[in-house]
Amino acid sequence: MYYHKRTTTVKHTERKKEMERHTFAMEVKKGRMDEYRKRLGEIWPELAAFLDRNQVKNFSIWNAESLIFGYYETVDGHSLSEEEEAAQNRFVDKMADTFDWISTPGQPMRLMYQDFGVVRESKELIRHRMFMTKLKPGCEEEYKRRHDGLVEKRGDTVTQGPDSNFSIWCAGGYIFGYDEIDTTMEKEPTEADKAFTVEWETRQLEIMDWITNDVDWLTGEHHAASVRLAWHG
């Protein structure tokens, strides 16, 4: 993990204060996944203490195939002391020979889409969703354009749920999406919902290939599920 010099800031509806949202992405080297998991377990007690000291919330690490995606939140404007920055670097150094960076350490990934809605502080009734895709060559700007269209169509309307804190980032030609779903508000999709989803996902398949299994129901293909390797509140 690395604190970013610039971040996306959103007013947290329940906490009544702003938070910064951070992400990172990497690819585990061939044959090193078991070692990556092992070392994550070794550093976890110290890492969890570091997160608590620096008021890092909702920290999670996700995996699909060889890819790793991380997400976490900090209080707006919080920065690390020299001592804490050194501690952060020690965690990274202990893991460094197991992966290659996809995102740039210390820099934010490109934000492609956001629909924060009403962000729930309590995660007890939240189902987390994280997905990964690979953009086809030259399709990054088209992906952004299509999602900008969704934002424009939504206008000033605040999504009440079940989806919240939903954002999509891009780095290294990969797409990483993060979503928090209020399980108390989930409903069976209507026929209109299903038709929109099929139309949208079919168009998206023109510009990207799925890594996770989110649309296997549509394509009949078989992909890996996104797995949450770690979480700390």
Protein backbone atom coordinates (compact mmCIF):
# COMPACT_ATOMS: atom_id res chain seq x y z
CA MET A 1 0.00 0.00 0.00
CA TYR A 2 1.05 3.58 -0.60
CA TYR A 3 -0.54 6.88 0.31
CA HIS A 4 -1.24 8.92 -2.80
CA LYS A 5 -0.29 12.49 -3.48
CA ARG A 6 -3.77 13.01 -4.95
CA THR A 7 -6.90 11.06 -4.15
CA THR A 8 -10.60 10.94 -4.81
CA THR A 9 -12.43 12.58 -1.93
CA VAL A 10 -16.08 11.92 -1.13
CA LYS A 11 -18.30 13.18 1.66
CA HIS A 12 -19.14 10.17 3.80
CA THR A 13 -22.86 10.39 4.49
CA GLU A 14 -22.85 8.60 7.83
CA ARG A 15 -19.54 9.84 9.26
CA LYS A 16 -20.33 13.46 8.31
CA LYS A 17 -16.74 14.02 7.24
CA GLU A 18 -14.71 13.45 4.14
CA MET A 19 -12.58 10.48 3.31
CA GLU A 20 -9.90 9.82 0.74
CA ARG A 21 -10.09 6.64 -1.24
CA HIS A 22 -6.88 4.88 -2.27
CA THR A 23 -6.16 1.94 -4.58
CA PHE A 24 -3.18 -0.07 -5.76
CA ALA A 25 -2.67 -2.93 -8.21
CA MET A 26 0.07 -5.47 -8.85
CA GLU A 27 0.71 -8.78 -10.57
CA VAL A 28 2.18 -11.67 -8.62
CA LYS A 29 5.17 -13.21 -10.35
CA LYS A 30 4.73 -16.64 -11.90
CA GLY A 31 4.86 -19.38 -9.29
CA ARG A 32 5.00 -16.91 -6.38
CA MET A 33 1.35 -16.76 -5.28
CA ASP A 34 1.82 -19.16 -2.36
CA GLU A 35 4.80 -17.12 -1.19
CA TYR A 36 2.84 -13.87 -1.57
CA ARG A 37 0.05 -15.23 0.62
CA LYS A 38 2.53 -16.59 3.17
CA ARG A 39 4.36 -13.27 3.53
CA LEU A 40 1.10 -11.34 3.75
CA GLY A 41 0.23 -13.50 6.74
CA GLU A 42 3.65 -12.87 8.29
CA ILE A 43 3.39 -9.08 8.09
CA TRP A 44 -0.34 -8.89 8.86
CA PRO A 45 -0.19 -8.23 12.64
CA GLU A 46 2.25 -5.34 12.13
CA LEU A 47 0.33 -4.11 9.09
CA ALA A 48 -2.98 -4.12 10.99
CA ALA A 49 -1.38 -2.11 13.79
CA PHE A 50 -0.03 0.35 11.21
CA LEU A 51 -3.51 0.75 9.70
CA ASP A 52 -5.01 1.43 13.13
CA ARG A 53 -2.33 3.99 14.06
CA ASN A 54 -2.92 5.90 10.84
CA GLN A 55 -6.73 5.67 10.91
CA VAL A 56 -6.85 3.63 7.70
CA LYS A 57 -10.33 2.16 7.27
CA ASN A 58 -12.00 -0.48 5.10
CA PHE A 59 -8.67 -1.90 3.90
CA SER A 60 -9.01 -4.90 1.60
CA ILE A 61 -6.82 -6.94 -0.73
CA TRP A 62 -8.37 -8.86 -3.62
CA ASN A 63 -7.05 -11.54 -5.97
CA ALA A 64 -8.07 -13.03 -9.32
CA GLU A 65 -5.64 -15.16 -11.32
CA SER A 66 -2.25 -13.48 -10.82
CA LEU A 67 -3.66 -10.00 -10.17
CA ILE A 68 -3.86 -8.19 -6.83
CA PHE A 69 -6.04 -5.14 -6.17
CA GLY A 70 -6.05 -3.14 -2.94
CA TYR A 71 -8.53 -0.58 -1.64
CA TYR A 72 -8.55 1.55 1.52
CA GLU A 73 -9.82 4.83 2.98
CA THR A 74 -8.20 7.57 5.05
CA VAL A 75 -9.44 10.75 6.69
CA ASP A 76 -9.18 13.62 4.23
CA GLY A 77 -5.78 15.30 4.36
CA HIS A 78 -4.05 12.71 6.53
CA SER A 79 -0.39 12.14 5.68
CA LEU A 80 2.25 9.82 7.04
CA SER A 81 5.07 10.90 9.31
CA GLU A 82 8.60 9.99 8.25
CA GLU A 83 8.56 7.14 10.76
CA GLU A 84 5.28 5.74 9.45
CA GLU A 85 6.37 6.14 5.85
CA ALA A 86 9.46 4.08 6.68
CA ALA A 87 7.21 1.43 8.25
CA GLN A 88 5.08 1.35 5.10
CA ASN A 89 8.17 0.88 2.96
CA ARG A 90 9.31 -2.03 5.13
CA PHE A 91 6.04 -3.85 4.47
CA VAL A 92 6.45 -3.36 0.74
CA ASP A 93 10.11 -4.44 0.83
CA LYS A 94 9.20 -7.70 2.57
CA MET A 95 6.81 -8.53 -0.28
CA ALA A 96 8.64 -6.89 -3.19
CA ASP A 97 10.24 -9.93 -4.82
CA THR A 98 6.86 -11.68 -5.15
CA PHE A 99 5.16 -9.14 -7.44
CA ASP A 100 5.49 -6.43 -10.09
CA TRP A 101 3.60 -3.16 -9.82
CA ILE A 102 0.73 -2.42 -12.21
CA SER A 103 -0.16 0.89 -10.60
CA THR A 104 2.53 3.46 -9.81
CA PRO A 105 3.45 3.53 -6.10
CA GLY A 106 2.44 6.81 -4.48
CA GLN A 107 0.30 7.89 -7.44
CA PRO A 108 -3.47 7.45 -7.88
CA MET A 109 -4.87 5.09 -10.48
CA ARG A 110 -7.00 6.74 -13.17
CA LEU A 111 -10.61 7.04 -12.05
CA MET A 112 -12.91 5.84 -14.83
CA TYR A 113 -16.31 5.96 -13.09
CA GLN A 114 -17.85 6.72 -9.72
CA ASP A 115 -21.28 6.49 -8.12
CA PHE A 116 -20.75 6.93 -4.39
CA GLY A 117 -24.45 7.02 -3.51
CA VAL A 118 -25.06 6.74 0.22
CA VAL A 119 -21.92 5.23 1.72
CA ARG A 120 -22.60 3.03 4.74
CA GLU A 121 -20.10 3.23 7.58
CA SER A 122 -21.16 -0.13 9.01
CA LYS A 123 -20.13 -3.01 6.73
CA GLU A 124 -22.04 -5.69 8.64
CA LEU A 125 -24.81 -5.89 6.04
CA ILE A 126 -22.62 -5.06 3.05
CA ARG A 127 -21.76 -7.50 0.28
CA HIS A 128 -18.50 -6.40 -1.32
CA ARG A 129 -18.00 -6.85 -5.04
CA MET A 130 -14.69 -6.44 -6.85
CA PHE A 131 -14.14 -7.14 -10.55
CA MET A 132 -11.25 -7.07 -13.02
CA THR A 133 -11.10 -6.84 -16.81
CA LYS A 134 -8.42 -6.29 -19.45
CA LEU A 135 -9.01 -3.51 -21.98
CA LYS A 136 -8.44 -4.28 -25.63
CA PRO A 137 -5.64 -2.19 -27.18
CA GLY A 138 -6.58 1.44 -27.70
CA CYS A 139 -9.91 1.20 -25.87
CA GLU A 140 -9.19 3.10 -22.65
CA GLU A 141 -10.71 6.38 -23.83
CA GLU A 142 -13.80 4.65 -25.24
CA TYR A 143 -14.32 2.90 -21.91
CA LYS A 144 -14.09 6.26 -20.13
CA ARG A 145 -16.45 7.91 -22.62
CA ARG A 146 -19.12 5.27 -22.11
CA HIS A 147 -18.98 5.60 -18.35
CA ASP A 148 -18.98 9.38 -18.51
CA GLY A 149 -22.28 8.95 -20.35
CA LEU A 150 -23.69 7.05 -17.37
CA VAL A 151 -22.63 9.85 -15.02
CA GLU A 152 -24.21 12.47 -17.29
CA LYS A 153 -27.44 10.48 -17.50
CA ARG A 154 -27.59 10.14 -13.70
CA GLY A 155 -27.13 13.89 -13.23
CA ASP A 156 -27.47 15.13 -9.67
CA THR A 157 -29.47 12.12 -8.55
CA VAL A 158 -27.95 10.38 -5.52
CA THR A 159 -28.19 6.61 -5.75
CA GLN A 160 -29.82 5.41 -2.53
CA GLY A 161 -28.83 1.76 -2.94
CA PRO A 162 -28.32 -1.08 -2.93
CA ASP A 163 -25.01 -0.14 -4.64
CA SER A 164 -22.83 2.44 -2.92
CA ASN A 165 -19.21 3.56 -2.84
CA PHE A 166 -18.97 2.21 -6.41
CA SER A 167 -15.90 3.19 -8.42
CA ILE A 168 -13.85 1.89 -11.34
CA TRP A 169 -10.14 2.55 -11.90
CA CYS A 170 -7.66 1.82 -14.68
CA ALA A 171 -3.94 1.02 -14.60
CA GLY A 172 -1.66 -0.79 -17.02
CA GLY A 173 -4.52 -1.57 -19.39
CA TYR A 174 -6.52 -3.28 -16.63
CA ILE A 175 -9.88 -2.25 -15.17
CA PHE A 176 -10.54 -2.65 -11.44
CA GLY A 177 -14.02 -2.08 -10.00
CA TYR A 178 -15.06 -1.85 -6.36
CA ASP A 179 -18.66 -1.83 -5.09
CA GLU A 180 -20.39 -2.06 -1.70
CA ILE A 181 -23.89 -3.54 -1.88
CA ASP A 182 -26.44 -3.12 0.91
CA THR A 183 -27.93 -6.60 1.19
CA THR A 184 -31.09 -5.28 2.86
CA MET A 185 -31.98 -3.37 -0.31
CA GLU A 186 -31.20 -6.01 -2.93
CA LYS A 187 -34.12 -7.05 -5.13
CA GLU A 188 -34.63 -9.42 -8.01
CA PRO A 189 -33.92 -7.60 -11.30
CA THR A 190 -36.90 -6.67 -13.44
CA GLU A 191 -37.11 -7.65 -17.10
CA ALA A 192 -36.10 -4.08 -17.98
CA ASP A 193 -33.07 -4.37 -15.68
CA LYS A 194 -32.06 -7.64 -17.33
CA ALA A 195 -32.44 -6.20 -20.82
CA PHE A 196 -30.29 -3.17 -19.97
CA THR A 197 -27.59 -5.37 -18.41
CA VAL A 198 -27.43 -7.68 -21.43
CA GLU A 199 -27.25 -4.73 -23.84
CA TRP A 200 -24.58 -2.94 -21.79
CA GLU A 201 -22.37 -5.97 -21.17
CA THR A 202 -22.60 -7.10 -24.80
CA ARG A 203 -21.33 -3.68 -25.90
CA GLN A 204 -18.58 -3.74 -23.27
CA LEU A 205 -17.30 -7.04 -24.63
CA GLU A 206 -16.36 -5.10 -27.76
CA ILE A 207 -13.68 -3.21 -25.85
CA MET A 208 -12.55 -5.47 -23.01
CA ASP A 209 -12.06 -9.06 -21.90
CA TRP A 210 -13.22 -10.25 -18.50
CA ILE A 211 -10.75 -11.66 -15.98
CA THR A 212 -13.29 -12.29 -13.21
CA ASN A 213 -16.48 -14.29 -13.67
CA ASP A 214 -19.05 -11.47 -13.50
CA VAL A 215 -20.64 -12.05 -16.92
CA ASP A 216 -20.00 -15.77 -17.38
CA TRP A 217 -23.79 -16.16 -17.24
CA LEU A 218 -23.91 -14.17 -20.49
CA THR A 219 -20.87 -15.51 -22.35
CA GLY A 220 -20.85 -19.13 -21.19
CA GLU A 221 -17.14 -18.80 -20.45
CA HIS A 222 -15.39 -19.70 -17.20
CA HIS A 223 -13.30 -17.16 -15.33
CA ALA A 224 -11.90 -16.87 -11.82
CA ALA A 225 -13.98 -15.35 -9.04
CA SER A 226 -12.51 -12.36 -7.24
CA VAL A 227 -11.34 -13.49 -3.81
CA ARG A 228 -10.86 -11.16 -0.86
CA LEU A 229 -7.54 -12.21 0.67
CA ALA A 230 -7.65 -9.76 3.57
CA TRP A 231 -9.82 -7.10 5.23
CA HIS A 232 -9.27 -4.72 8.12
CA GLY A 233 -11.91 -2.26 9.27
